[in-house]
Amino acid sequence: NSLNWLFETDTGGETTYESFIQNVDTV
């Protein structure tokens, strides 16, 4: 159930997360 493999992958310093999360109020 670990997510460590995900955080070891290079995003090149970019993601779409910041713009996505601004439109979310319930997780």
PDB file of all heavy atoms in Angstrom:
ATOM      1  N   ASN A   1       0.809  -1.225   0.000  1.00  0.00           N
ATOM      2  CA  ASN A   1       0.000   0.000   0.000  1.00  0.00           C
ATOM      3  C   ASN A   1       0.839   1.271   0.000  1.00  0.00           C
ATOM      4  O   ASN A   1       0.321   2.351   0.228  1.00  0.00           O
ATOM      5  CB  ASN A   1      -0.984   0.033   1.180  1.00  0.00           C
ATOM      6  CG  ASN A   1      -2.034  -1.038   1.071  1.00  0.00           C
ATOM      7  OD1 ASN A   1      -2.593  -1.259  -0.003  1.00  0.00           O
ATOM      8  ND2 ASN A   1      -2.306  -1.722   2.165  1.00  0.00           N
ATOM      9  N   SER A   2       2.112   1.170  -0.265  1.00  0.00           N
ATOM     10  CA  SER A   2       3.006   2.330  -0.246  1.00  0.00           C
ATOM     11  C   SER A   2       2.909   3.135  -1.543  1.00  0.00           C
ATOM     12  O   SER A   2       2.690   2.584  -2.623  1.00  0.00           O
ATOM     13  CB  SER A   2       4.450   1.872  -0.045  1.00  0.00           C
ATOM     14  OG  SER A   2       5.336   2.973  -0.175  1.00  0.00           O
ATOM     15  N   LEU A   3       3.105   4.448  -1.406  1.00  0.00           N
ATOM     16  CA  LEU A   3       3.133   5.364  -2.546  1.00  0.00           C
ATOM     17  C   LEU A   3       4.539   5.889  -2.824  1.00  0.00           C
ATOM     18  O   LEU A   3       4.725   6.773  -3.659  1.00  0.00           O
ATOM     19  CB  LEU A   3       2.202   6.549  -2.282  1.00  0.00           C
ATOM     20  CG  LEU A   3       0.737   6.217  -2.022  1.00  0.00           C
ATOM     21  CD1 LEU A   3      -0.027   7.446  -1.588  1.00  0.00           C
ATOM     22  CD2 LEU A   3       0.110   5.583  -3.241  1.00  0.00           C
ATOM     23  N   ASN A   4       5.528   5.356  -2.120  1.00  0.00           N
ATOM     24  CA  ASN A   4       6.901   5.863  -2.262  1.00  0.00           C
ATOM     25  C   ASN A   4       7.393   5.836  -3.701  1.00  0.00           C
ATOM     26  O   ASN A   4       8.098   6.743  -4.134  1.00  0.00           O
ATOM     27  CB  ASN A   4       7.864   5.080  -1.365  1.00  0.00           C
ATOM     28  CG  ASN A   4       7.661   5.399   0.092  1.00  0.00           C
ATOM     29  OD1 ASN A   4       7.136   6.458   0.435  1.00  0.00           O
ATOM     30  ND2 ASN A   4       8.042   4.489   0.956  1.00  0.00           N
ATOM     31  N   TRP A   5       7.043   4.803  -4.462  1.00  0.00           N
ATOM     32  CA  TRP A   5       7.466   4.687  -5.861  1.00  0.00           C
ATOM     33  C   TRP A   5       7.032   5.904  -6.670  1.00  0.00           C
ATOM     34  O   TRP A   5       7.727   6.332  -7.578  1.00  0.00           O
ATOM     35  CB  TRP A   5       6.888   3.416  -6.491  1.00  0.00           C
ATOM     36  CG  TRP A   5       5.387   3.416  -6.487  1.00  0.00           C
ATOM     37  CD1 TRP A   5       4.573   2.967  -5.485  1.00  0.00           C
ATOM     38  CD2 TRP A   5       4.530   3.941  -7.481  1.00  0.00           C
ATOM     39  NE1 TRP A   5       3.253   3.181  -5.815  1.00  0.00           N
ATOM     40  CE2 TRP A   5       3.194   3.767  -7.038  1.00  0.00           C
ATOM     41  CE3 TRP A   5       4.735   4.540  -8.724  1.00  0.00           C
ATOM     42  CZ2 TRP A   5       2.086   4.173  -7.780  1.00  0.00           C
ATOM     43  CZ3 TRP A   5       3.633   4.935  -9.469  1.00  0.00           C
ATOM     44  CH2 TRP A   5       2.333   4.746  -8.994  1.00  0.00           C
ATOM     45  N   LEU A   6       5.879   6.472  -6.315  1.00  0.00           N
ATOM     46  CA  LEU A   6       5.341   7.622  -7.040  1.00  0.00           C
ATOM     47  C   LEU A   6       6.198   8.862  -6.817  1.00  0.00           C
ATOM     48  O   LEU A   6       6.498   9.605  -7.753  1.00  0.00           O
ATOM     49  CB  LEU A   6       3.901   7.887  -6.600  1.00  0.00           C
ATOM     50  CG  LEU A   6       3.226   9.122  -7.146  1.00  0.00           C
ATOM     51  CD1 LEU A   6       3.137   9.064  -8.662  1.00  0.00           C
ATOM     52  CD2 LEU A   6       1.844   9.269  -6.530  1.00  0.00           C
ATOM     53  N   PHE A   7       6.611   9.086  -5.580  1.00  0.00           N
ATOM     54  CA  PHE A   7       7.350  10.295  -5.249  1.00  0.00           C
ATOM     55  C   PHE A   7       8.819  10.220  -5.640  1.00  0.00           C
ATOM     56  O   PHE A   7       9.538  11.200  -5.540  1.00  0.00           O
ATOM     57  CB  PHE A   7       7.167  10.626  -3.771  1.00  0.00           C
ATOM     58  CG  PHE A   7       5.720  10.872  -3.446  1.00  0.00           C
ATOM     59  CD1 PHE A   7       4.991   9.930  -2.748  1.00  0.00           C
ATOM     60  CD2 PHE A   7       5.082  12.007  -3.889  1.00  0.00           C
ATOM     61  CE1 PHE A   7       3.636  10.137  -2.479  1.00  0.00           C
ATOM     62  CE2 PHE A   7       3.739  12.232  -3.633  1.00  0.00           C
ATOM     63  CZ  PHE A   7       3.019  11.285  -2.925  1.00  0.00           C
ATOM     64  N   GLU A   8       9.235   9.049  -6.105  1.00  0.00           N
ATOM     65  CA  GLU A   8      10.605   8.888  -6.591  1.00  0.00           C
ATOM     66  C   GLU A   8      10.697   9.109  -8.098  1.00  0.00           C
ATOM     67  O   GLU A   8      11.755   8.948  -8.687  1.00  0.00           O
ATOM     68  CB  GLU A   8      11.107   7.474  -6.241  1.00  0.00           C
ATOM     69  CG  GLU A   8      11.221   7.256  -4.744  1.00  0.00           C
ATOM     70  CD  GLU A   8      11.413   5.792  -4.360  1.00  0.00           C
ATOM     71  OE1 GLU A   8      11.350   4.914  -5.256  1.00  0.00           O
ATOM     72  OE2 GLU A   8      11.618   5.540  -3.170  1.00  0.00           O
ATOM     73  N   THR A   9       9.579   9.484  -8.734  1.00  0.00           N
ATOM     74  CA  THR A   9       9.533   9.699 -10.181  1.00  0.00           C
ATOM     75  C   THR A   9       9.615  11.192 -10.471  1.00  0.00           C
ATOM     76  O   THR A   9       8.908  11.987  -9.867  1.00  0.00           O
ATOM     77  CB  THR A   9       8.229   9.112 -10.768  1.00  0.00           C
ATOM     78  OG1 THR A   9       8.119   7.746 -10.373  1.00  0.00           O
ATOM     79  CG2 THR A   9       8.244   9.184 -12.282  1.00  0.00           C
ATOM     80  N   ASP A  10      10.460  11.567 -11.404  1.00  0.00           N
ATOM     81  CA  ASP A  10      10.724  12.973 -11.722  1.00  0.00           C
ATOM     82  C   ASP A  10       9.557  13.612 -12.480  1.00  0.00           C
ATOM     83  O   ASP A  10       9.153  13.124 -13.533  1.00  0.00           O
ATOM     84  CB  ASP A  10      11.994  13.065 -12.568  1.00  0.00           C
ATOM     85  CG  ASP A  10      12.364  14.493 -12.918  1.00  0.00           C
ATOM     86  OD1 ASP A  10      11.914  15.427 -12.219  1.00  0.00           O
ATOM     87  OD2 ASP A  10      13.114  14.671 -13.889  1.00  0.00           O
ATOM     88  N   THR A  11       9.012  14.698 -11.927  1.00  0.00           N
ATOM     89  CA  THR A  11       7.953  15.454 -12.603  1.00  0.00           C
ATOM     90  C   THR A  11       8.520  16.592 -13.434  1.00  0.00           C
ATOM     91  O   THR A  11       7.761  17.322 -14.072  1.00  0.00           O
ATOM     92  CB  THR A  11       6.959  16.065 -11.586  1.00  0.00           C
ATOM     93  OG1 THR A  11       7.653  17.045 -10.803  1.00  0.00           O
ATOM     94  CG2 THR A  11       6.330  15.006 -10.711  1.00  0.00           C
ATOM     95  N   GLY A  12       9.827  16.771 -13.398  1.00  0.00           N
ATOM     96  CA  GLY A  12      10.430  17.888 -14.105  1.00  0.00           C
ATOM     97  C   GLY A  12      10.078  19.221 -13.454  1.00  0.00           C
ATOM     98  O   GLY A  12      10.155  20.266 -14.083  1.00  0.00           O
ATOM     99  N   GLY A  13       9.672  19.171 -12.188  1.00  0.00           N
ATOM    100  CA  GLY A  13       9.297  20.382 -11.466  1.00  0.00           C
ATOM    101  C   GLY A  13       7.917  20.906 -11.812  1.00  0.00           C
ATOM    102  O   GLY A  13       7.526  21.981 -11.375  1.00  0.00           O
ATOM    103  N   GLU A  14       7.172  20.155 -12.612  1.00  0.00           N
ATOM    104  CA  GLU A  14       5.843  20.598 -13.027  1.00  0.00           C
ATOM    105  C   GLU A  14       4.796  19.569 -12.620  1.00  0.00           C
ATOM    106  O   GLU A  14       5.081  18.384 -12.551  1.00  0.00           O
ATOM    107  CB  GLU A  14       5.775  20.735 -14.550  1.00  0.00           C
ATOM    108  CG  GLU A  14       6.741  21.719 -15.141  1.00  0.00           C
ATOM    109  CD  GLU A  14       6.671  21.705 -16.656  1.00  0.00           C
ATOM    110  OE1 GLU A  14       5.552  21.633 -17.196  1.00  0.00           O
ATOM    111  OE2 GLU A  14       7.731  21.729 -17.280  1.00  0.00           O
ATOM    112  N   THR A  15       3.593  20.040 -12.355  1.00  0.00           N
ATOM    113  CA  THR A  15       2.428  19.167 -12.187  1.00  0.00           C
ATOM    114  C   THR A  15       1.187  19.996 -12.512  1.00  0.00           C
ATOM    115  O   THR A  15       1.266  21.214 -12.656  1.00  0.00           O
ATOM    116  CB  THR A  15       2.266  18.610 -10.752  1.00  0.00           C
ATOM    117  OG1 THR A  15       1.792  19.638  -9.889  1.00  0.00           O
ATOM    118  CG2 THR A  15       3.554  18.038 -10.212  1.00  0.00           C
ATOM    119  N   THR A  16       0.059  19.336 -12.586  1.00  0.00           N
ATOM    120  CA  THR A  16      -1.218  20.032 -12.739  1.00  0.00           C
ATOM    121  C   THR A  16      -1.949  20.117 -11.398  1.00  0.00           C
ATOM    122  O   THR A  16      -3.047  20.647 -11.327  1.00  0.00           O
ATOM    123  CB  THR A  16      -2.112  19.304 -13.752  1.00  0.00           C
ATOM    124  OG1 THR A  16      -2.321  17.951 -13.313  1.00  0.00           O
ATOM    125  CG2 THR A  16      -1.488  19.304 -15.136  1.00  0.00           C
ATOM    126  N   TYR A  17      -1.319  19.603 -10.351  1.00  0.00           N
ATOM    127  CA  TYR A  17      -1.969  19.514  -9.048  1.00  0.00           C
ATOM    128  C   TYR A  17      -2.397  20.875  -8.503  1.00  0.00           C
ATOM    129  O   TYR A  17      -3.527  21.023  -8.022  1.00  0.00           O
ATOM    130  CB  TYR A  17      -1.061  18.804  -8.037  1.00  0.00           C
ATOM    131  CG  TYR A  17      -1.667  18.716  -6.663  1.00  0.00           C
ATOM    132  CD1 TYR A  17      -2.629  17.752  -6.373  1.00  0.00           C
ATOM    133  CD2 TYR A  17      -1.296  19.600  -5.660  1.00  0.00           C
ATOM    134  CE1 TYR A  17      -3.211  17.669  -5.124  1.00  0.00           C
ATOM    135  CE2 TYR A  17      -1.865  19.526  -4.399  1.00  0.00           C
ATOM    136  CZ  TYR A  17      -2.818  18.561  -4.135  1.00  0.00           C
ATOM    137  OH  TYR A  17      -3.396  18.492  -2.897  1.00  0.00           O
ATOM    138  N   GLU A  18      -1.536  21.853  -8.539  1.00  0.00           N
ATOM    139  CA  GLU A  18      -1.846  23.166  -7.942  1.00  0.00           C
ATOM    140  C   GLU A  18      -3.080  23.793  -8.574  1.00  0.00           C
ATOM    141  O   GLU A  18      -3.927  24.352  -7.877  1.00  0.00           O
ATOM    142  CB  GLU A  18      -0.646  24.109  -8.033  1.00  0.00           C
ATOM    143  CG  GLU A  18       0.515  23.704  -7.142  1.00  0.00           C
ATOM    144  CD  GLU A  18       0.135  23.575  -5.668  1.00  0.00           C
ATOM    145  OE1 GLU A  18      -0.687  24.363  -5.168  1.00  0.00           O
ATOM    146  OE2 GLU A  18       0.669  22.660  -5.017  1.00  0.00           O
ATOM    147  N   SER A  19      -3.201  23.728  -9.885  1.00  0.00           N
ATOM    148  CA  SER A  19      -4.391  24.293 -10.520  1.00  0.00           C
ATOM    149  C   SER A  19      -5.623  23.429 -10.243  1.00  0.00           C
ATOM    150  O   SER A  19      -6.723  23.950 -10.082  1.00  0.00           O
ATOM    151  CB  SER A  19      -4.181  24.489 -12.019  1.00  0.00           C
ATOM    152  OG  SER A  19      -3.928  23.266 -12.648  1.00  0.00           O
ATOM    153  N   PHE A  20      -5.437  22.106 -10.179  1.00  0.00           N
ATOM    154  CA  PHE A  20      -6.551  21.204  -9.900  1.00  0.00           C
ATOM    155  C   PHE A  20      -7.117  21.432  -8.502  1.00  0.00           C
ATOM    156  O   PHE A  20      -8.321  21.611  -8.323  1.00  0.00           O
ATOM    157  CB  PHE A  20      -6.103  19.742 -10.055  1.00  0.00           C
ATOM    158  CG  PHE A  20      -7.132  18.759  -9.578  1.00  0.00           C
ATOM    159  CD1 PHE A  20      -8.220  18.436 -10.381  1.00  0.00           C
ATOM    160  CD2 PHE A  20      -7.031  18.170  -8.334  1.00  0.00           C
ATOM    161  CE1 PHE A  20      -9.188  17.543  -9.931  1.00  0.00           C
ATOM    162  CE2 PHE A  20      -7.982  17.278  -7.874  1.00  0.00           C
ATOM    163  CZ  PHE A  20      -9.068  16.964  -8.685  1.00  0.00           C
ATOM    164  N   ILE A  21      -6.268  21.445  -7.489  1.00  0.00           N
ATOM    165  CA  ILE A  21      -6.722  21.482  -6.090  1.00  0.00           C
ATOM    166  C   ILE A  21      -7.457  22.785  -5.759  1.00  0.00           C
ATOM    167  O   ILE A  21      -8.292  22.816  -4.861  1.00  0.00           O
ATOM    168  CB  ILE A  21      -5.550  21.219  -5.110  1.00  0.00           C
ATOM    169  CG1 ILE A  21      -6.062  20.856  -3.707  1.00  0.00           C
ATOM    170  CG2 ILE A  21      -4.600  22.392  -5.048  1.00  0.00           C
ATOM    171  CD1 ILE A  21      -6.790  19.544  -3.612  1.00  0.00           C
ATOM    172  N   GLN A  22      -7.205  23.838  -6.503  1.00  0.00           N
ATOM    173  CA  GLN A  22      -7.908  25.100  -6.274  1.00  0.00           C
ATOM    174  C   GLN A  22      -9.401  24.987  -6.560  1.00  0.00           C
ATOM    175  O   GLN A  22     -10.182  25.805  -6.081  1.00  0.00           O
ATOM    176  CB  GLN A  22      -7.302  26.211  -7.133  1.00  0.00           C
ATOM    177  CG  GLN A  22      -5.908  26.594  -6.716  1.00  0.00           C
ATOM    178  CD  GLN A  22      -5.304  27.628  -7.647  1.00  0.00           C
ATOM    179  OE1 GLN A  22      -5.981  28.263  -8.445  1.00  0.00           O
ATOM    180  NE2 GLN A  22      -4.003  27.804  -7.540  1.00  0.00           N
ATOM    181  N   ASN A  23      -9.790  23.987  -7.345  1.00  0.00           N
ATOM    182  CA  ASN A  23     -11.195  23.794  -7.699  1.00  0.00           C
ATOM    183  C   ASN A  23     -11.882  22.726  -6.851  1.00  0.00           C
ATOM    184  O   ASN A  23     -13.007  22.334  -7.145  1.00  0.00           O
ATOM    185  CB  ASN A  23     -11.304  23.406  -9.175  1.00  0.00           C
ATOM    186  CG  ASN A  23     -10.795  24.503 -10.071  1.00  0.00           C
ATOM    187  OD1 ASN A  23     -11.252  25.633  -9.985  1.00  0.00           O
ATOM    188  ND2 ASN A  23      -9.836  24.180 -10.915  1.00  0.00           N
ATOM    189  N   VAL A  24     -11.201  22.245  -5.806  1.00  0.00           N
ATOM    190  CA  VAL A  24     -11.709  21.162  -4.957  1.00  0.00           C
ATOM    191  C   VAL A  24     -11.968  21.684  -3.559  1.00  0.00           C
ATOM    192  O   VAL A  24     -11.125  22.371  -2.985  1.00  0.00           O
ATOM    193  CB  VAL A  24     -10.669  20.010  -4.883  1.00  0.00           C
ATOM    194  CG1 VAL A  24     -11.088  18.947  -3.883  1.00  0.00           C
ATOM    195  CG2 VAL A  24     -10.437  19.413  -6.257  1.00  0.00           C
ATOM    196  N   ASP A  25     -13.142  21.359  -3.006  1.00  0.00           N
ATOM    197  CA  ASP A  25     -13.356  21.679  -1.593  1.00  0.00           C
ATOM    198  C   ASP A  25     -13.709  20.455  -0.756  1.00  0.00           C
ATOM    199  O   ASP A  25     -13.807  20.547   0.462  1.00  0.00           O
ATOM    200  CB  ASP A  25     -14.385  22.796  -1.403  1.00  0.00           C
ATOM    201  CG  ASP A  25     -15.779  22.429  -1.853  1.00  0.00           C
ATOM    202  OD1 ASP A  25     -16.011  21.294  -2.296  1.00  0.00           O
ATOM    203  OD2 ASP A  25     -16.667  23.301  -1.759  1.00  0.00           O
ATOM    204  N   THR A  26     -13.860  19.289  -1.402  1.00  0.00           N
ATOM    205  CA  THR A  26     -14.155  18.053  -0.673  1.00  0.00           C
ATOM    206  C   THR A  26     -13.272  16.938  -1.219  1.00  0.00           C
ATOM    207  O   THR A  26     -13.244  16.701  -2.426  1.00  0.00           O
ATOM    208  CB  THR A  26     -15.642  17.658  -0.837  1.00  0.00           C
ATOM    209  OG1 THR A  26     -16.457  18.766  -0.460  1.00  0.00           O
ATOM    210  CG2 THR A  26     -15.986  16.456   0.016  1.00  0.00           C
ATOM    211  N   VAL A  27     -12.561  16.270  -0.313  1.00  0.00           N
ATOM    212  CA  VAL A  27     -11.661  15.171  -0.668  1.00  0.00           C
ATOM    213  C   VAL A  27     -12.206  13.902  -0.033  1.00  0.00           C
ATOM    214  O   VAL A  27     -12.470  13.868   1.163  1.00  0.00           O
ATOM    215  CB  VAL A  27     -10.229  15.445  -0.163  1.00  0.00           C
ATOM    216  CG1 VAL A  27      -9.311  14.271  -0.474  1.00  0.00           C
ATOM    217  CG2 VAL A  27      -9.683  16.736  -0.745  1.00  0.00           C
TER     218      VAL A  27
END
